[in-house]
Amino acid sequence: MLRRYKDVVIGYKEESYPPIPTKFTLWLRRNVLVQLFRFIVINIKVMRIVIGGHH
């Protein structure tokens, strides 16, 4: 969505771009122990739903 005014190209506004993740957020995403913990928590939640549906 570019607009041209007298041969000047105006791009998207700064608000259109996603925020850059912080160093802590990147660390959480890359840490294997955090990923393992979250995997276990999600599996426990799924198992509670599955087991609850069979009663």
Protein backbone atom coordinates (compact mmCIF):
# COMPACT_ATOMS: atom_id res chain seq x y z
CA MET A 1 0.00 0.00 0.00
CA LEU A 2 2.38 2.64 -1.21
CA ARG A 3 1.37 6.20 -1.99
CA ARG A 4 3.33 8.38 -4.34
CA TYR A 5 3.50 12.13 -3.90
CA LYS A 6 5.73 13.98 -6.33
CA ASP A 7 8.01 10.95 -6.84
CA VAL A 8 8.32 10.35 -3.06
CA VAL A 9 7.39 6.87 -1.88
CA ILE A 10 5.70 6.67 1.52
CA GLY A 11 5.62 3.14 2.98
CA TYR A 12 3.62 1.65 5.80
CA LYS A 13 3.40 3.38 9.16
CA GLU A 14 5.58 2.19 12.02
CA GLU A 15 2.47 0.85 13.81
CA SER A 16 1.92 -1.62 10.95
CA TYR A 17 4.97 -3.70 11.85
CA PRO A 18 4.98 -6.31 14.64
CA PRO A 19 6.90 -5.59 17.84
CA ILE A 20 10.45 -6.90 18.13
CA PRO A 21 10.73 -9.58 20.84
CA THR A 22 12.83 -8.77 23.88
CA LYS A 23 15.96 -10.73 24.81
CA PHE A 24 14.02 -12.46 27.59
CA THR A 25 11.27 -13.52 25.17
CA LEU A 26 13.84 -14.93 22.76
CA TRP A 27 15.53 -16.76 25.66
CA LEU A 28 12.20 -18.33 26.65
CA ARG A 29 11.57 -19.46 23.09
CA ARG A 30 15.03 -21.01 22.68
CA ASN A 31 15.45 -22.61 26.12
CA VAL A 32 14.95 -26.38 25.90
CA LEU A 33 13.99 -26.74 29.58
CA VAL A 34 11.26 -24.11 29.26
CA GLN A 35 9.98 -25.81 26.11
CA LEU A 36 9.95 -29.19 27.86
CA PHE A 37 8.06 -27.76 30.83
CA ARG A 38 5.46 -26.11 28.59
CA PHE A 39 5.11 -29.33 26.57
CA ILE A 40 4.38 -31.31 29.75
CA VAL A 41 1.87 -28.73 30.99
CA ILE A 42 0.00 -28.70 27.67
CA ASN A 43 -0.07 -32.52 27.58
CA ILE A 44 -1.48 -32.65 31.12
CA LYS A 45 -4.23 -30.21 30.11
CA VAL A 46 -5.09 -32.29 27.04
CA MET A 47 -5.14 -35.50 29.07
CA ARG A 48 -7.52 -33.93 31.61
CA ILE A 49 -9.90 -33.07 28.76
CA VAL A 50 -9.62 -36.53 27.17
CA ILE A 51 -10.07 -38.40 30.45
CA GLY A 52 -12.93 -36.12 31.48
CA GLY A 53 -14.74 -36.82 28.23
CA HIS A 54 -14.80 -40.58 28.83
CA HIS A 55 -16.77 -40.44 32.09
